[in-house]
Amino acid sequence: MTEASTPKQLSKSELHGFVKKIREDLNNEVLGQENLVDEILSCLMASGHILITGAPGLAKTTIVKALSRHLGLTFGRVQFTPDLLPTDITGSDILNINSDTGQKAFSFQKGPIFANLILADEINRASPRTQSALLEAMQEKMITFGGQTYALPQPFTVFATENPFESEGVFPLPEAQLDRFLLNSVITYPEAYKEIEVLQRHAEGKLSAPIKKKEARGLSREHLEQMSKACMEIRVEKELISLIHAILEKTRQATKKGGSLLYGAGTRAGMSLISVGKSLAFIEGLESVRWYHIEKILKPCLRHRIKLTSTAYYDGITEDSLVDTVTEEVKNEYKKLIEGLS
């Protein structure tokens, strides 16, 4: 094995410094979306996928492209439309004819999904049949076509975007696919001073300037694996796990209180809270997950894993407001315990 094929084993401090620098780079390139940057990096380190919901023009696509450039990872983009077919994502068998012998043979032509970072742009514009083409890839990190199984490159993370304001020509994502996403991030307009800075950079021609090759911070598969293992070693106190379970239980109890919920958060939601909490703690250079990490990601982890009744919407209840209610109940009931974990 050559030295180039054997990446250096980085220490925890070196890995933390690497992530910290990537975080700074992204925040400098995409202004006003600090929470989204943290959530995207957390998903990457936790080997999960993220659904980004927000109005057009809020840098959803830009931030994913920037991440791939900074990390030196391969990037694939699929623009979801009503006429998109599953094979447009996964690839398909192509008939090849030997010009000398005339012999015919099929070979698999890989689709755009064979990349490290996949941007599924406006995913809710495609039909459920096409959306389902992502299910196996997101869960198993492989696809099956023509009886053959093809492994996807590692790391593999799907960044899906959707516009929440359009109701015509869109297909809501089924619950089974929503649950594949580690986080559902909702982004809003940046603060005024950040937006003014974006406009100023655009006026000066400095917005989204190309990154010089020497500035790209290549991240090998082995280094990402080291980072993921370092995140796994972050401690989660038993008391914090009890708080997470209490939150899950309260969302389920809400199904019996006035009928606002069809179903509450499942066990996978709690696992997601722990995984993302570890990633956030690692980004900050901490050895254990704190309560404020969990509180910060409650909505991204839960909003797509609970289902409201139609009556709840008419009453002005939303997924986020219900999570707020549950959070306040837990904070009031476990005040002293939370103080010790803050």
C-alpha atoms as a PDB file:
ATOM      1  CA  MET A   1       0.000   0.000   0.000  1.00  0.00           C
ATOM      2  CA  THR A   2       1.296   3.406  -0.898  1.00  0.00           C
ATOM      3  CA  GLU A   3       1.203   6.365   1.453  1.00  0.00           C
ATOM      4  CA  ALA A   4      -1.443   8.021  -0.751  1.00  0.00           C
ATOM      5  CA  SER A   5      -3.788   5.076  -0.319  1.00  0.00           C
ATOM      6  CA  THR A   6      -3.416   5.040   3.467  1.00  0.00           C
ATOM      7  CA  PRO A   7      -4.823   8.275   4.923  1.00  0.00           C
ATOM      8  CA  LYS A   8      -3.333   9.448   8.177  1.00  0.00           C
ATOM      9  CA  GLN A   9      -5.219   8.516  11.331  1.00  0.00           C
ATOM     10  CA  LEU A  10      -6.322  11.900  12.655  1.00  0.00           C
ATOM     11  CA  SER A  11      -6.701  12.687  16.337  1.00  0.00           C
ATOM     12  CA  LYS A  12     -10.006  13.897  17.757  1.00  0.00           C
ATOM     13  CA  SER A  13      -8.661  17.432  17.970  1.00  0.00           C
ATOM     14  CA  GLU A  14      -7.537  17.314  14.330  1.00  0.00           C
ATOM     15  CA  LEU A  15     -10.939  15.992  13.227  1.00  0.00           C
ATOM     16  CA  HIS A  16     -12.687  18.674  15.260  1.00  0.00           C
ATOM     17  CA  GLY A  17     -10.446  21.342  13.731  1.00  0.00           C
ATOM     18  CA  PHE A  18     -11.285  20.027  10.270  1.00  0.00           C
ATOM     19  CA  VAL A  19     -15.045  20.240  10.883  1.00  0.00           C
ATOM     20  CA  LYS A  20     -14.739  23.636  12.523  1.00  0.00           C
ATOM     21  CA  LYS A  21     -12.946  25.017   9.462  1.00  0.00           C
ATOM     22  CA  ILE A  22     -15.505  23.543   7.059  1.00  0.00           C
ATOM     23  CA  ARG A  23     -18.247  25.099   9.182  1.00  0.00           C
ATOM     24  CA  GLU A  24     -16.559  28.499   8.987  1.00  0.00           C
ATOM     25  CA  ASP A  25     -16.071  28.175   5.225  1.00  0.00           C
ATOM     26  CA  LEU A  26     -19.742  27.374   4.626  1.00  0.00           C
ATOM     27  CA  ASN A  27     -20.974  30.167   6.896  1.00  0.00           C
ATOM     28  CA  ASN A  28     -18.735  32.621   5.050  1.00  0.00           C
ATOM     29  CA  GLU A  29     -20.008  31.480   1.663  1.00  0.00           C
ATOM     30  CA  VAL A  30     -23.700  31.088   2.518  1.00  0.00           C
ATOM     31  CA  LEU A  31     -24.678  33.935   4.820  1.00  0.00           C
ATOM     32  CA  GLY A  32     -27.491  33.813   7.344  1.00  0.00           C
ATOM     33  CA  GLN A  33     -28.040  30.023   7.377  1.00  0.00           C
ATOM     34  CA  GLU A  34     -25.931  28.996  10.376  1.00  0.00           C
ATOM     35  CA  ASN A  35     -28.488  26.505  11.717  1.00  0.00           C
ATOM     36  CA  LEU A  36     -28.785  24.827   8.329  1.00  0.00           C
ATOM     37  CA  VAL A  37     -24.989  24.527   8.085  1.00  0.00           C
ATOM     38  CA  ASP A  38     -24.851  22.764  11.462  1.00  0.00           C
ATOM     39  CA  GLU A  39     -27.716  20.447  10.519  1.00  0.00           C
ATOM     40  CA  ILE A  40     -26.154  19.550   7.169  1.00  0.00           C
ATOM     41  CA  LEU A  41     -22.770  18.790   8.729  1.00  0.00           C
ATOM     42  CA  SER A  42     -24.486  16.742  11.446  1.00  0.00           C
ATOM     43  CA  CYS A  43     -26.284  14.674   8.826  1.00  0.00           C
ATOM     44  CA  LEU A  44     -23.064  14.042   6.951  1.00  0.00           C
ATOM     45  CA  MET A  45     -21.226  12.872  10.062  1.00  0.00           C
ATOM     46  CA  ALA A  46     -24.183  10.748  11.187  1.00  0.00           C
ATOM     47  CA  SER A  47     -24.443   9.150   7.708  1.00  0.00           C
ATOM     48  CA  GLY A  48     -28.020  10.401   7.394  1.00  0.00           C
ATOM     49  CA  HIS A  49     -30.124  12.313   4.888  1.00  0.00           C
ATOM     50  CA  ILE A  50     -31.764  15.719   5.131  1.00  0.00           C
ATOM     51  CA  LEU A  51     -34.958  17.228   3.720  1.00  0.00           C
ATOM     52  CA  ILE A  52     -34.690  21.015   3.369  1.00  0.00           C
ATOM     53  CA  THR A  53     -37.969  22.926   3.187  1.00  0.00           C
ATOM     54  CA  GLY A  54     -38.092  26.607   2.356  1.00  0.00           C
ATOM     55  CA  ALA A  55     -39.013  29.309  -0.101  1.00  0.00           C
ATOM     56  CA  PRO A  56     -37.101  29.630  -3.404  1.00  0.00           C
ATOM     57  CA  GLY A  57     -33.940  31.713  -3.353  1.00  0.00           C
ATOM     58  CA  LEU A  58     -32.716  30.871   0.159  1.00  0.00           C
ATOM     59  CA  ALA A  59     -29.488  29.142  -0.936  1.00  0.00           C
ATOM     60  CA  LYS A  60     -30.711  25.559  -0.456  1.00  0.00           C
ATOM     61  CA  THR A  61     -28.980  24.418  -3.642  1.00  0.00           C
ATOM     62  CA  THR A  62     -25.977  26.698  -3.168  1.00  0.00           C
ATOM     63  CA  ILE A  63     -25.076  25.307   0.238  1.00  0.00           C
ATOM     64  CA  VAL A  64     -25.010  21.692  -0.982  1.00  0.00           C
ATOM     65  CA  LYS A  65     -22.813  22.620  -3.948  1.00  0.00           C
ATOM     66  CA  ALA A  66     -20.525  24.561  -1.627  1.00  0.00           C
ATOM     67  CA  LEU A  67     -20.229  21.572   0.716  1.00  0.00           C
ATOM     68  CA  SER A  68     -19.211  19.248  -2.112  1.00  0.00           C
ATOM     69  CA  ARG A  69     -16.581  21.730  -3.312  1.00  0.00           C
ATOM     70  CA  HIS A  70     -15.097  22.312   0.119  1.00  0.00           C
ATOM     71  CA  LEU A  71     -14.896  18.600   0.894  1.00  0.00           C
ATOM     72  CA  GLY A  72     -13.764  17.468  -2.535  1.00  0.00           C
ATOM     73  CA  LEU A  73     -16.597  14.926  -2.749  1.00  0.00           C
ATOM     74  CA  THR A  74     -18.503  13.966  -5.895  1.00  0.00           C
ATOM     75  CA  PHE A  75     -21.784  15.760  -6.442  1.00  0.00           C
ATOM     76  CA  GLY A  76     -24.896  14.679  -8.315  1.00  0.00           C
ATOM     77  CA  ARG A  77     -28.038  16.680  -8.951  1.00  0.00           C
ATOM     78  CA  VAL A  78     -31.480  15.488 -10.005  1.00  0.00           C
ATOM     79  CA  GLN A  79     -34.135  18.057 -10.871  1.00  0.00           C
ATOM     80  CA  PHE A  80     -37.409  16.358  -9.957  1.00  0.00           C
ATOM     81  CA  THR A  81     -40.253  16.945 -12.420  1.00  0.00           C
ATOM     82  CA  PRO A  82     -43.610  15.178 -13.007  1.00  0.00           C
ATOM     83  CA  ASP A  83     -42.229  13.303 -16.039  1.00  0.00           C
ATOM     84  CA  LEU A  84     -39.040  12.110 -14.298  1.00  0.00           C
ATOM     85  CA  LEU A  85     -38.618   8.326 -14.378  1.00  0.00           C
ATOM     86  CA  PRO A  86     -36.918   6.115 -11.766  1.00  0.00           C
ATOM     87  CA  THR A  87     -34.256   5.145 -14.301  1.00  0.00           C
ATOM     88  CA  ASP A  88     -33.386   8.834 -14.725  1.00  0.00           C
ATOM     89  CA  ILE A  89     -32.121   8.616 -11.149  1.00  0.00           C
ATOM     90  CA  THR A  90     -30.720   5.110 -10.802  1.00  0.00           C
ATOM     91  CA  GLY A  91     -29.527   4.489 -14.358  1.00  0.00           C
ATOM     92  CA  SER A  92     -30.492   1.641 -16.676  1.00  0.00           C
ATOM     93  CA  ASP A  93     -29.181  -1.097 -18.961  1.00  0.00           C
ATOM     94  CA  ILE A  94     -27.859   0.142 -22.288  1.00  0.00           C
ATOM     95  CA  LEU A  95     -27.610  -2.081 -25.375  1.00  0.00           C
ATOM     96  CA  ASN A  96     -24.083  -2.135 -26.766  1.00  0.00           C
ATOM     97  CA  ILE A  97     -23.261  -3.513 -30.197  1.00  0.00           C
ATOM     98  CA  ASN A  98     -19.725  -4.586 -31.021  1.00  0.00           C
ATOM     99  CA  SER A  99     -18.845  -2.843 -34.297  1.00  0.00           C
ATOM    100  CA  ASP A 100     -16.511  -5.687 -35.334  1.00  0.00           C
ATOM    101  CA  THR A 101     -18.502  -8.787 -34.455  1.00  0.00           C
ATOM    102  CA  GLY A 102     -22.008  -7.373 -34.281  1.00  0.00           C
ATOM    103  CA  GLN A 103     -22.440  -9.058 -30.907  1.00  0.00           C
ATOM    104  CA  LYS A 104     -25.039  -7.409 -28.682  1.00  0.00           C
ATOM    105  CA  ALA A 105     -24.772  -7.082 -24.905  1.00  0.00           C
ATOM    106  CA  PHE A 106     -26.396  -5.017 -22.181  1.00  0.00           C
ATOM    107  CA  SER A 107     -24.328  -3.004 -19.727  1.00  0.00           C
ATOM    108  CA  PHE A 108     -25.498  -0.916 -16.800  1.00  0.00           C
ATOM    109  CA  GLN A 109     -25.203   2.837 -17.285  1.00  0.00           C
ATOM    110  CA  LYS A 110     -25.013   4.481 -13.862  1.00  0.00           C
ATOM    111  CA  GLY A 111     -27.351   7.372 -13.110  1.00  0.00           C
ATOM    112  CA  PRO A 112     -26.656  10.591 -11.161  1.00  0.00           C
ATOM    113  CA  ILE A 113     -27.376   8.828  -7.863  1.00  0.00           C
ATOM    114  CA  PHE A 114     -23.871   7.329  -8.025  1.00  0.00           C
ATOM    115  CA  ALA A 115     -22.202  10.228  -6.216  1.00  0.00           C
ATOM    116  CA  ASN A 116     -21.297  11.087  -2.626  1.00  0.00           C
ATOM    117  CA  LEU A 117     -23.665  14.019  -2.238  1.00  0.00           C
ATOM    118  CA  ILE A 118     -27.003  13.912  -4.068  1.00  0.00           C
ATOM    119  CA  LEU A 119     -29.183  16.979  -4.443  1.00  0.00           C
ATOM    120  CA  ALA A 120     -32.792  15.905  -5.044  1.00  0.00           C
ATOM    121  CA  ASP A 121     -34.126  19.309  -6.045  1.00  0.00           C
ATOM    122  CA  GLU A 122     -37.871  19.884  -5.526  1.00  0.00           C
ATOM    123  CA  ILE A 123     -38.389  16.222  -4.694  1.00  0.00           C
ATOM    124  CA  ASN A 124     -42.140  16.629  -4.207  1.00  0.00           C
ATOM    125  CA  ARG A 125     -42.643  17.487  -7.884  1.00  0.00           C
ATOM    126  CA  ALA A 126     -42.025  13.899  -9.000  1.00  0.00           C
ATOM    127  CA  SER A 127     -44.553  11.069  -8.879  1.00  0.00           C
ATOM    128  CA  PRO A 128     -44.585   8.635  -5.928  1.00  0.00           C
ATOM    129  CA  ARG A 129     -43.201   5.952  -8.251  1.00  0.00           C
ATOM    130  CA  THR A 130     -40.137   8.063  -8.970  1.00  0.00           C
ATOM    131  CA  GLN A 131     -39.763   9.175  -5.368  1.00  0.00           C
ATOM    132  CA  SER A 132     -39.679   5.519  -4.340  1.00  0.00           C
ATOM    133  CA  ALA A 133     -36.534   5.034  -6.440  1.00  0.00           C
ATOM    134  CA  LEU A 134     -34.681   6.747  -3.603  1.00  0.00           C
ATOM    135  CA  LEU A 135     -36.021   4.502  -0.833  1.00  0.00           C
ATOM    136  CA  GLU A 136     -33.599   1.587  -1.217  1.00  0.00           C
ATOM    137  CA  ALA A 137     -30.685   3.926  -1.888  1.00  0.00           C
ATOM    138  CA  MET A 138     -31.329   5.985   1.243  1.00  0.00           C
ATOM    139  CA  GLN A 139     -31.818   2.992   3.510  1.00  0.00           C
ATOM    140  CA  GLU A 140     -29.471   0.344   2.123  1.00  0.00           C
ATOM    141  CA  LYS A 141     -26.894   2.546   0.340  1.00  0.00           C
ATOM    142  CA  MET A 142     -27.350   0.436  -2.799  1.00  0.00           C
ATOM    143  CA  ILE A 143     -29.749   0.039  -5.718  1.00  0.00           C
ATOM    144  CA  THR A 144     -31.118  -3.015  -7.508  1.00  0.00           C
ATOM    145  CA  PHE A 145     -31.743  -3.034 -11.247  1.00  0.00           C
ATOM    146  CA  GLY A 146     -32.391  -5.984 -13.510  1.00  0.00           C
ATOM    147  CA  GLY A 147     -31.753  -8.414 -10.683  1.00  0.00           C
ATOM    148  CA  GLN A 148     -28.304  -6.967 -10.036  1.00  0.00           C
ATOM    149  CA  THR A 149     -27.296  -5.001  -6.938  1.00  0.00           C
ATOM    150  CA  TYR A 150     -24.975  -2.019  -7.212  1.00  0.00           C
ATOM    151  CA  ALA A 151     -23.291  -0.427  -4.197  1.00  0.00           C
ATOM    152  CA  LEU A 152     -23.363   3.358  -3.999  1.00  0.00           C
ATOM    153  CA  PRO A 153     -20.178   5.337  -3.339  1.00  0.00           C
ATOM    154  CA  GLN A 154     -19.431   6.111   0.298  1.00  0.00           C
ATOM    155  CA  PRO A 155     -20.101   8.470   1.943  1.00  0.00           C
ATOM    156  CA  PHE A 156     -23.606   8.791   0.511  1.00  0.00           C
ATOM    157  CA  THR A 157     -25.975  11.545   1.628  1.00  0.00           C
ATOM    158  CA  VAL A 158     -29.196  12.774   0.026  1.00  0.00           C
ATOM    159  CA  PHE A 159     -30.071  16.453   0.306  1.00  0.00           C
ATOM    160  CA  ALA A 160     -33.669  16.831  -0.811  1.00  0.00           C
ATOM    161  CA  THR A 161     -35.380  20.204  -1.190  1.00  0.00           C
ATOM    162  CA  GLU A 162     -39.034  21.089  -1.436  1.00  0.00           C
ATOM    163  CA  ASN A 163     -41.066  24.262  -1.828  1.00  0.00           C
ATOM    164  CA  PRO A 164     -43.821  24.328   0.831  1.00  0.00           C
ATOM    165  CA  PHE A 165     -45.912  27.013  -0.825  1.00  0.00           C
ATOM    166  CA  GLU A 166     -47.035  25.222  -3.972  1.00  0.00           C
ATOM    167  CA  SER A 167     -49.921  22.766  -3.951  1.00  0.00           C
ATOM    168  CA  GLU A 168     -50.446  22.241  -7.690  1.00  0.00           C
ATOM    169  CA  GLY A 169     -48.318  19.711  -9.540  1.00  0.00           C
ATOM    170  CA  VAL A 170     -46.736  18.334  -6.385  1.00  0.00           C
ATOM    171  CA  PHE A 171     -46.904  14.930  -4.689  1.00  0.00           C
ATOM    172  CA  PRO A 172     -46.542  14.824  -0.894  1.00  0.00           C
ATOM    173  CA  LEU A 173     -43.809  12.482   0.277  1.00  0.00           C
ATOM    174  CA  PRO A 174     -45.156   9.252   1.822  1.00  0.00           C
ATOM    175  CA  GLU A 175     -44.477   8.641   5.506  1.00  0.00           C
ATOM    176  CA  ALA A 176     -42.127   5.747   4.710  1.00  0.00           C
ATOM    177  CA  GLN A 177     -39.863   8.055   2.729  1.00  0.00           C
ATOM    178  CA  LEU A 178     -40.114  10.942   5.180  1.00  0.00           C
ATOM    179  CA  ASP A 179     -38.867   8.641   7.916  1.00  0.00           C
ATOM    180  CA  ARG A 180     -35.733   7.938   5.857  1.00  0.00           C
ATOM    181  CA  PHE A 181     -34.642  11.533   6.429  1.00  0.00           C
ATOM    182  CA  LEU A 182     -32.636  12.067   9.575  1.00  0.00           C
ATOM    183  CA  LEU A 183     -33.686  15.733   9.650  1.00  0.00           C
ATOM    184  CA  ASN A 184     -36.364  17.920   8.114  1.00  0.00           C
ATOM    185  CA  SER A 185     -34.903  21.420   8.178  1.00  0.00           C
ATOM    186  CA  VAL A 186     -37.125  24.427   7.613  1.00  0.00           C
ATOM    187  CA  ILE A 187     -35.226  27.534   6.580  1.00  0.00           C
ATOM    188  CA  THR A 188     -36.512  31.082   6.666  1.00  0.00           C
ATOM    189  CA  TYR A 189     -35.344  34.419   5.348  1.00  0.00           C
ATOM    190  CA  PRO A 190     -32.015  35.619   6.794  1.00  0.00           C
ATOM    191  CA  GLU A 191     -31.814  38.492   9.240  1.00  0.00           C
ATOM    192  CA  ALA A 192     -31.846  41.951   7.668  1.00  0.00           C
ATOM    193  CA  TYR A 193     -28.144  42.701   8.143  1.00  0.00           C
ATOM    194  CA  LYS A 194     -27.191  39.321   6.644  1.00  0.00           C
ATOM    195  CA  GLU A 195     -29.472  39.827   3.666  1.00  0.00           C
ATOM    196  CA  ILE A 196     -28.009  43.291   3.068  1.00  0.00           C
ATOM    197  CA  GLU A 197     -24.516  41.751   3.097  1.00  0.00           C
ATOM    198  CA  VAL A 198     -25.617  39.171   0.508  1.00  0.00           C
ATOM    199  CA  LEU A 199     -26.972  41.942  -1.722  1.00  0.00           C
ATOM    200  CA  GLN A 200     -23.782  43.954  -1.252  1.00  0.00           C
ATOM    201  CA  ARG A 201     -21.613  40.983  -2.237  1.00  0.00           C
ATOM    202  CA  HIS A 202     -23.774  40.426  -5.300  1.00  0.00           C
ATOM    203  CA  ALA A 203     -23.456  44.085  -6.278  1.00  0.00           C
ATOM    204  CA  GLU A 204     -19.666  43.787  -6.018  1.00  0.00           C
ATOM    205  CA  GLY A 205     -19.586  40.518  -7.965  1.00  0.00           C
ATOM    206  CA  LYS A 206     -18.207  38.620  -4.968  1.00  0.00           C
ATOM    207  CA  LEU A 207     -21.136  36.302  -4.286  1.00  0.00           C
ATOM    208  CA  SER A 208     -20.401  32.577  -4.665  1.00  0.00           C
ATOM    209  CA  ALA A 209     -16.911  33.196  -6.007  1.00  0.00           C
ATOM    210  CA  PRO A 210     -15.296  29.964  -7.258  1.00  0.00           C
ATOM    211  CA  ILE A 211     -13.112  28.199  -4.705  1.00  0.00           C
ATOM    212  CA  LYS A 212      -9.508  27.851  -5.725  1.00  0.00           C
ATOM    213  CA  LYS A 213      -8.349  24.286  -6.065  1.00  0.00           C
ATOM    214  CA  LYS A 214      -5.732  24.677  -3.371  1.00  0.00           C
ATOM    215  CA  GLU A 215      -8.439  25.861  -0.942  1.00  0.00           C
ATOM    216  CA  ALA A 216     -10.617  22.758  -1.376  1.00  0.00           C
ATOM    217  CA  ARG A 217     -10.306  20.562   1.686  1.00  0.00           C
ATOM    218  CA  GLY A 218     -10.333  17.005   0.368  1.00  0.00           C
ATOM    219  CA  LEU A 219     -11.986  14.572   2.731  1.00  0.00           C
ATOM    220  CA  SER A 220     -11.349  10.912   2.073  1.00  0.00           C
ATOM    221  CA  ARG A 221     -13.803   8.140   2.862  1.00  0.00           C
ATOM    222  CA  GLU A 222     -11.465   6.948   5.589  1.00  0.00           C
ATOM    223  CA  HIS A 223     -11.387  10.378   7.233  1.00  0.00           C
ATOM    224  CA  LEU A 224     -15.174  10.568   7.206  1.00  0.00           C
ATOM    225  CA  GLU A 225     -15.298   7.141   8.808  1.00  0.00           C
ATOM    226  CA  GLN A 226     -12.892   8.387  11.472  1.00  0.00           C
ATOM    227  CA  MET A 227     -15.152  11.371  12.033  1.00  0.00           C
ATOM    228  CA  SER A 228     -18.251   9.195  12.324  1.00  0.00           C
ATOM    229  CA  LYS A 229     -16.495   6.907  14.817  1.00  0.00           C
ATOM    230  CA  ALA A 230     -15.410   9.933  16.849  1.00  0.00           C
ATOM    231  CA  CYS A 231     -19.040  11.086  16.943  1.00  0.00           C
ATOM    232  CA  MET A 232     -20.152   7.645  18.097  1.00  0.00           C
ATOM    233  CA  GLU A 233     -17.776   7.919  21.061  1.00  0.00           C
ATOM    234  CA  ILE A 234     -19.477  11.072  22.335  1.00  0.00           C
ATOM    235  CA  ARG A 235     -21.209  10.263  25.638  1.00  0.00           C
ATOM    236  CA  VAL A 236     -24.958  10.454  26.166  1.00  0.00           C
ATOM    237  CA  GLU A 237     -25.930  10.366  29.835  1.00  0.00           C
ATOM    238  CA  LYS A 238     -28.696   8.007  30.908  1.00  0.00           C
ATOM    239  CA  GLU A 239     -30.626  10.965  32.286  1.00  0.00           C
ATOM    240  CA  LEU A 240     -30.585  12.605  28.863  1.00  0.00           C
ATOM    241  CA  ILE A 241     -31.836   9.407  27.247  1.00  0.00           C
ATOM    242  CA  SER A 242     -34.686   9.428  29.762  1.00  0.00           C
ATOM    243  CA  LEU A 243     -35.561  12.985  28.715  1.00  0.00           C
ATOM    244  CA  ILE A 244     -35.560  11.984  25.050  1.00  0.00           C
ATOM    245  CA  HIS A 245     -37.880   9.089  25.847  1.00  0.00           C
ATOM    246  CA  ALA A 246     -40.170  11.421  27.790  1.00  0.00           C
ATOM    247  CA  ILE A 247     -40.462  13.656  24.727  1.00  0.00           C
ATOM    248  CA  LEU A 248     -41.349  10.720  22.499  1.00  0.00           C
ATOM    249  CA  GLU A 249     -43.939   9.526  25.006  1.00  0.00           C
ATOM    250  CA  LYS A 250     -45.577  12.934  25.221  1.00  0.00           C
ATOM    251  CA  THR A 251     -46.001  13.125  21.436  1.00  0.00           C
ATOM    252  CA  ARG A 252     -47.781   9.774  21.593  1.00  0.00           C
ATOM    253  CA  GLN A 253     -49.930  10.884  24.510  1.00  0.00           C
ATOM    254  CA  ALA A 254     -50.995  13.861  22.418  1.00  0.00           C
ATOM    255  CA  THR A 255     -52.880  11.445  20.158  1.00  0.00           C
ATOM    256  CA  LYS A 256     -55.261  10.886  23.072  1.00  0.00           C
ATOM    257  CA  LYS A 257     -55.670  14.540  24.043  1.00  0.00           C
ATOM    258  CA  GLY A 258     -58.245  16.161  21.832  1.00  0.00           C
ATOM    259  CA  GLY A 259     -57.303  14.207  18.732  1.00  0.00           C
ATOM    260  CA  SER A 260     -54.680  16.665  17.439  1.00  0.00           C
ATOM    261  CA  LEU A 261     -52.323  13.878  16.335  1.00  0.00           C
ATOM    262  CA  LEU A 262     -52.862  10.799  14.214  1.00  0.00           C
ATOM    263  CA  TYR A 263     -49.589   9.322  15.467  1.00  0.00           C
ATOM    264  CA  GLY A 264     -46.611  10.436  17.508  1.00  0.00           C
ATOM    265  CA  ALA A 265     -42.849  10.060  17.141  1.00  0.00           C
ATOM    266  CA  GLY A 266     -41.434   6.545  16.932  1.00  0.00           C
ATOM    267  CA  THR A 267     -38.237   5.021  18.249  1.00  0.00           C
ATOM    268  CA  ARG A 268     -36.280   6.096  15.164  1.00  0.00           C
ATOM    269  CA  ALA A 269     -36.999   9.715  16.089  1.00  0.00           C
ATOM    270  CA  GLY A 270     -35.225   9.161  19.420  1.00  0.00           C
ATOM    271  CA  MET A 271     -32.308   7.493  17.672  1.00  0.00           C
ATOM    272  CA  SER A 272     -32.084  10.490  15.347  1.00  0.00           C
ATOM    273  CA  LEU A 273     -32.012  12.896  18.289  1.00  0.00           C
ATOM    274  CA  ILE A 274     -29.107  10.980  19.796  1.00  0.00           C
ATOM    275  CA  SER A 275     -27.154  10.725  16.519  1.00  0.00           C
ATOM    276  CA  VAL A 276     -27.526  14.398  15.622  1.00  0.00           C
ATOM    277  CA  GLY A 277     -26.918  15.453  19.219  1.00  0.00           C
ATOM    278  CA  LYS A 278     -23.597  13.591  19.158  1.00  0.00           C
ATOM    279  CA  SER A 279     -22.640  15.310  15.910  1.00  0.00           C
ATOM    280  CA  LEU A 280     -23.443  18.761  17.316  1.00  0.00           C
ATOM    281  CA  ALA A 281     -21.420  18.029  20.442  1.00  0.00           C
ATOM    282  CA  PHE A 282     -18.501  16.890  18.273  1.00  0.00           C
ATOM    283  CA  ILE A 283     -18.702  20.071  16.161  1.00  0.00           C
ATOM    284  CA  GLU A 284     -18.359  22.086  19.379  1.00  0.00           C
ATOM    285  CA  GLY A 285     -15.477  19.937  20.611  1.00  0.00           C
ATOM    286  CA  LEU A 286     -17.385  18.534  23.604  1.00  0.00           C
ATOM    287  CA  GLU A 287     -17.112  15.049  25.084  1.00  0.00           C
ATOM    288  CA  SER A 288     -20.824  14.598  25.842  1.00  0.00           C
ATOM    289  CA  VAL A 289     -24.226  15.652  24.516  1.00  0.00           C
ATOM    290  CA  ARG A 290     -25.967  18.390  26.485  1.00  0.00           C
ATOM    291  CA  TRP A 291     -29.664  19.164  26.805  1.00  0.00           C
ATOM    292  CA  TYR A 292     -29.373  22.292  24.637  1.00  0.00           C
ATOM    293  CA  HIS A 293     -28.131  20.141  21.737  1.00  0.00           C
ATOM    294  CA  ILE A 294     -31.277  18.032  21.933  1.00  0.00           C
ATOM    295  CA  GLU A 295     -33.549  21.049  22.337  1.00  0.00           C
ATOM    296  CA  LYS A 296     -31.953  22.684  19.299  1.00  0.00           C
ATOM    297  CA  ILE A 297     -32.810  19.785  16.987  1.00  0.00           C
ATOM    298  CA  LEU A 298     -36.185  18.686  18.348  1.00  0.00           C
ATOM    299  CA  LYS A 299     -38.149  20.275  15.510  1.00  0.00           C
ATOM    300  CA  PRO A 300     -35.888  19.081  12.646  1.00  0.00           C
ATOM    301  CA  CYS A 301     -35.945  15.542  14.083  1.00  0.00           C
ATOM    302  CA  LEU A 302     -39.650  15.356  14.946  1.00  0.00           C
ATOM    303  CA  ARG A 303     -41.684  17.577  12.604  1.00  0.00           C
ATOM    304  CA  HIS A 304     -41.719  14.998   9.791  1.00  0.00           C
ATOM    305  CA  ARG A 305     -42.291  12.061  12.123  1.00  0.00           C
ATOM    306  CA  ILE A 306     -45.587  13.166  13.656  1.00  0.00           C
ATOM    307  CA  LYS A 307     -48.882  13.400  11.806  1.00  0.00           C
ATOM    308  CA  LEU A 308     -51.563  15.955  12.649  1.00  0.00           C
ATOM    309  CA  THR A 309     -55.268  15.535  12.047  1.00  0.00           C
ATOM    310  CA  SER A 310     -57.092  17.866   9.675  1.00  0.00           C
ATOM    311  CA  THR A 311     -58.923  19.293  12.697  1.00  0.00           C
ATOM    312  CA  ALA A 312     -55.623  20.325  14.254  1.00  0.00           C
ATOM    313  CA  TYR A 313     -54.705  22.425  11.227  1.00  0.00           C
ATOM    314  CA  TYR A 314     -58.071  24.174  11.354  1.00  0.00           C
ATOM    315  CA  ASP A 315     -57.400  24.929  15.025  1.00  0.00           C
ATOM    316  CA  GLY A 316     -54.095  26.571  14.116  1.00  0.00           C
ATOM    317  CA  ILE A 317     -51.931  23.725  15.437  1.00  0.00           C
ATOM    318  CA  THR A 318     -48.788  22.867  13.489  1.00  0.00           C
ATOM    319  CA  GLU A 319     -46.124  20.219  13.916  1.00  0.00           C
ATOM    320  CA  ASP A 320     -43.702  22.832  15.245  1.00  0.00           C
ATOM    321  CA  SER A 321     -46.177  24.312  17.720  1.00  0.00           C
ATOM    322  CA  LEU A 322     -46.956  20.850  19.047  1.00  0.00           C
ATOM    323  CA  VAL A 323     -43.234  20.136  19.500  1.00  0.00           C
ATOM    324  CA  ASP A 324     -42.966  23.456  21.375  1.00  0.00           C
ATOM    325  CA  THR A 325     -45.811  22.417  23.673  1.00  0.00           C
ATOM    326  CA  VAL A 326     -44.264  19.024  24.363  1.00  0.00           C
ATOM    327  CA  THR A 327     -40.848  20.594  24.994  1.00  0.00           C
ATOM    328  CA  GLU A 328     -42.252  23.055  27.536  1.00  0.00           C
ATOM    329  CA  GLU A 329     -44.076  20.257  29.363  1.00  0.00           C
ATOM    330  CA  VAL A 330     -40.863  18.228  29.618  1.00  0.00           C
ATOM    331  CA  LYS A 331     -38.851  21.260  30.746  1.00  0.00           C
ATOM    332  CA  ASN A 332     -41.369  22.025  33.475  1.00  0.00           C
ATOM    333  CA  GLU A 333     -41.561  18.426  34.719  1.00  0.00           C
ATOM    334  CA  TYR A 334     -37.807  17.756  34.644  1.00  0.00           C
ATOM    335  CA  LYS A 335     -36.470  21.210  35.444  1.00  0.00           C
ATOM    336  CA  LYS A 336     -33.781  20.137  37.935  1.00  0.00           C
ATOM    337  CA  LEU A 337     -32.627  17.247  35.773  1.00  0.00           C
ATOM    338  CA  ILE A 338     -32.296  19.531  32.749  1.00  0.00           C
ATOM    339  CA  GLU A 339     -30.294  22.059  34.764  1.00  0.00           C
ATOM    340  CA  GLY A 340     -27.746  19.350  35.496  1.00  0.00           C
ATOM    341  CA  LEU A 341     -27.460  18.470  31.799  1.00  0.00           C
ATOM    342  CA  SER A 342     -27.183  22.025  30.444  1.00  0.00           C
END
